Amino acid sequence: KQELSIDYRIHSRMIGRGGRGIKKIMDEYGVEVRFPGDENDKNLVIIIGPEKNVSDCADYLLNMAEEFLQDFLEDENSRQYVRESPRENRHQHRGEGPGFIVSGAPWQHPGGRSQSAAYNNTLEDFPSIGEMKATNAPTLGSSTLNLKSIPYRN
């Protein structure tokens, strides 16, 4: 049995998703690794097994912990330079204010009456659509396209 002191902040990285990481290490070294989470010593890690295997596993875990801790500290240090994005902060503002309001859109008629664009049957709001008249316009399925037959507007 050997007790190690490994920073508790990286225990989860060592254990891995669903315990896969630590299970692989335990299988590879033929030992049992425990993270008791003792209130007096959060950094405590216990390795139990044959003496040679425990020693080898301890070396491996300490090297792994050193790499993980270095990455952890670099990430933590780099966060001080990153500003929180509005997307991350949006849950705090949800429900405050009226939200996004559309006004003056083409489908909103004078006098406050609003109408969905899908049900707008007049060309009053979209006069440029009425100007487009197809004369001799090519149709789908035409074998050739004669550019002279397409009207050109200035």
Protein backbone atom coordinates (compact mmCIF):
# COMPACT_ATOMS: atom_id res chain seq x y z
CA LYS A 1 0.00 0.00 0.00
CA GLN A 2 1.30 3.44 -0.94
CA GLU A 3 -0.25 6.83 -0.28
CA LEU A 4 0.36 9.69 -2.70
CA SER A 5 -0.50 13.36 -2.55
CA ILE A 6 -1.93 14.41 -5.92
CA ASP A 7 -3.74 17.71 -6.34
CA TYR A 8 -7.47 17.02 -5.95
CA ARG A 9 -8.32 19.40 -8.82
CA ILE A 10 -6.99 16.88 -11.34
CA HIS A 11 -8.41 13.70 -9.81
CA SER A 12 -11.36 13.78 -12.22
CA ARG A 13 -9.01 13.98 -15.22
CA MET A 14 -7.05 11.00 -13.93
CA ILE A 15 -10.20 8.99 -13.27
CA GLY A 16 -11.58 9.79 -16.73
CA ARG A 17 -15.09 9.61 -18.10
CA GLY A 18 -17.03 6.87 -16.36
CA GLY A 19 -13.83 5.75 -14.59
CA ARG A 20 -12.33 4.42 -17.82
CA GLY A 21 -8.97 6.13 -17.37
CA ILE A 22 -8.23 4.84 -13.89
CA LYS A 23 -9.65 1.39 -14.69
CA LYS A 24 -7.21 1.08 -17.58
CA ILE A 25 -4.33 2.06 -15.28
CA MET A 26 -5.44 -0.41 -12.59
CA ASP A 27 -5.70 -3.22 -15.17
CA GLU A 28 -2.32 -2.35 -16.71
CA TYR A 29 -0.47 -2.31 -13.37
CA GLY A 30 -2.54 -4.93 -11.54
CA VAL A 31 -3.31 -2.62 -8.62
CA GLU A 32 -6.25 -0.91 -6.97
CA VAL A 33 -6.29 2.89 -6.92
CA ARG A 34 -8.54 4.76 -4.51
CA PHE A 35 -9.44 8.43 -4.29
CA PRO A 36 -11.03 8.54 -0.83
CA GLY A 37 -11.82 12.27 -0.87
CA ASP A 38 -10.84 12.54 2.79
CA GLU A 39 -11.93 15.90 4.24
CA ASN A 40 -8.57 16.24 6.03
CA ASP A 41 -6.55 15.53 2.88
CA LYS A 42 -8.38 16.04 -0.43
CA ASN A 43 -5.17 15.22 -2.31
CA LEU A 44 -4.86 11.69 -0.93
CA VAL A 45 -4.58 8.83 -3.45
CA ILE A 46 -4.03 5.26 -2.26
CA ILE A 47 -2.52 2.48 -4.37
CA ILE A 48 -2.89 -1.12 -3.18
CA GLY A 49 -1.28 -4.21 -4.75
CA PRO A 50 2.02 -6.09 -5.20
CA GLU A 51 5.01 -3.94 -4.16
CA LYS A 52 6.65 -3.66 -7.62
CA ASN A 53 3.32 -2.90 -9.30
CA VAL A 54 2.43 -0.27 -6.68
CA SER A 55 5.80 1.41 -7.13
CA ASP A 56 5.51 1.44 -10.95
CA CYS A 57 1.92 2.70 -10.81
CA ALA A 58 2.88 5.43 -8.33
CA ASP A 59 5.60 6.68 -10.69
CA TYR A 60 3.16 6.63 -13.58
CA LEU A 61 0.43 8.48 -11.63
CA LEU A 62 2.87 11.12 -10.37
CA ASN A 63 4.12 11.80 -13.92
CA MET A 64 0.55 11.90 -15.20
CA ALA A 65 -0.45 14.23 -12.35
CA GLU A 66 2.45 16.57 -13.15
CA GLU A 67 1.34 16.86 -16.80
CA PHE A 68 -2.33 17.28 -15.91
CA LEU A 69 -1.56 19.87 -13.24
CA GLN A 70 0.58 21.86 -15.67
CA ASP A 71 -2.27 21.84 -18.23
CA PHE A 72 -4.78 22.73 -15.53
CA LEU A 73 -2.72 25.69 -14.31
CA GLU A 74 -2.13 26.93 -17.87
CA ASP A 75 -5.88 26.77 -18.58
CA GLU A 76 -6.66 28.52 -15.31
CA ASN A 77 -4.04 31.19 -16.01
CA SER A 78 -5.28 31.80 -19.56
CA ARG A 79 -8.88 32.29 -18.36
CA GLN A 80 -7.93 35.59 -16.77
CA TYR A 81 -7.43 37.02 -20.27
CA VAL A 82 -10.73 35.72 -21.67
CA ARG A 83 -13.81 37.86 -21.32
CA GLU A 84 -17.12 36.13 -20.72
CA SER A 85 -19.17 36.10 -23.90
CA PRO A 86 -22.78 37.30 -23.93
CA ARG A 87 -23.83 33.76 -24.89
CA GLU A 88 -22.36 32.36 -21.66
CA ASN A 89 -23.97 35.14 -19.66
CA ARG A 90 -27.40 35.11 -21.31
CA HIS A 91 -29.07 32.91 -18.72
CA GLN A 92 -28.69 35.75 -16.22
CA HIS A 93 -30.63 38.17 -18.44
CA ARG A 94 -33.40 35.82 -19.54
CA GLY A 95 -36.83 37.18 -18.78
CA GLU A 96 -35.65 40.76 -18.31
CA GLY A 97 -37.03 43.30 -20.77
CA PRO A 98 -39.25 42.78 -23.79
CA GLY A 99 -36.74 40.78 -25.84
CA PHE A 100 -36.36 41.19 -29.60
CA ILE A 101 -39.09 43.32 -31.18
CA VAL A 102 -39.62 43.75 -34.92
CA SER A 103 -41.06 47.08 -35.98
CA GLY A 104 -41.49 48.75 -39.33
CA ALA A 105 -41.29 45.47 -41.21
CA PRO A 106 -42.95 45.35 -44.65
CA TRP A 107 -45.73 43.08 -43.44
CA GLN A 108 -46.71 45.51 -40.67
CA HIS A 109 -49.35 47.85 -42.07
CA PRO A 110 -49.79 51.46 -41.05
CA GLY A 111 -52.28 51.85 -38.24
CA GLY A 112 -50.70 49.11 -36.13
CA ARG A 113 -52.35 46.14 -37.86
CA SER A 114 -49.82 43.38 -38.28
CA GLN A 115 -50.05 40.66 -40.86
CA SER A 116 -47.85 37.65 -41.46
CA ALA A 117 -45.69 37.88 -44.57
CA ALA A 118 -47.03 34.51 -45.67
CA TYR A 119 -50.58 35.89 -45.89
CA ASN A 120 -49.80 39.20 -47.55
CA ASN A 121 -51.82 39.11 -50.78
CA THR A 122 -51.18 42.68 -51.95
CA LEU A 123 -48.30 44.29 -53.78
CA GLU A 124 -48.66 47.53 -51.80
CA ASP A 125 -45.94 46.58 -49.37
CA PHE A 126 -43.68 45.02 -52.02
CA PRO A 127 -44.10 47.21 -55.12
CA SER A 128 -40.87 46.02 -56.76
CA ILE A 129 -42.38 42.56 -57.16
CA GLY A 130 -45.10 43.98 -59.40
CA GLU A 131 -42.53 45.51 -61.77
CA MET A 132 -41.07 42.15 -62.66
CA LYS A 133 -42.99 40.83 -65.64
CA ALA A 134 -41.68 37.92 -67.57
CA THR A 135 -41.98 38.24 -71.29
CA ASN A 136 -40.44 35.48 -73.32
CA ALA A 137 -38.75 34.25 -70.15
CA PRO A 138 -37.19 30.79 -70.41
CA THR A 139 -39.05 28.02 -68.64
CA LEU A 140 -37.76 25.05 -66.75
CA GLY A 141 -37.06 22.20 -69.06
CA SER A 142 -36.01 24.38 -72.01
CA SER A 143 -33.32 22.66 -74.01
CA THR A 144 -31.51 25.92 -74.80
CA LEU A 145 -31.36 29.33 -73.15
CA ASN A 146 -31.57 32.34 -75.44
CA LEU A 147 -30.19 35.32 -73.51
CA LYS A 148 -31.74 37.77 -75.99
CA SER A 149 -35.20 36.64 -74.92
CA ILE A 150 -34.64 37.69 -71.27
CA PRO A 151 -35.79 41.28 -70.66
CA TYR A 152 -33.24 43.61 -69.08
CA ARG A 153 -34.24 46.47 -66.76
CA ASN A 154 -32.07 49.47 -65.88
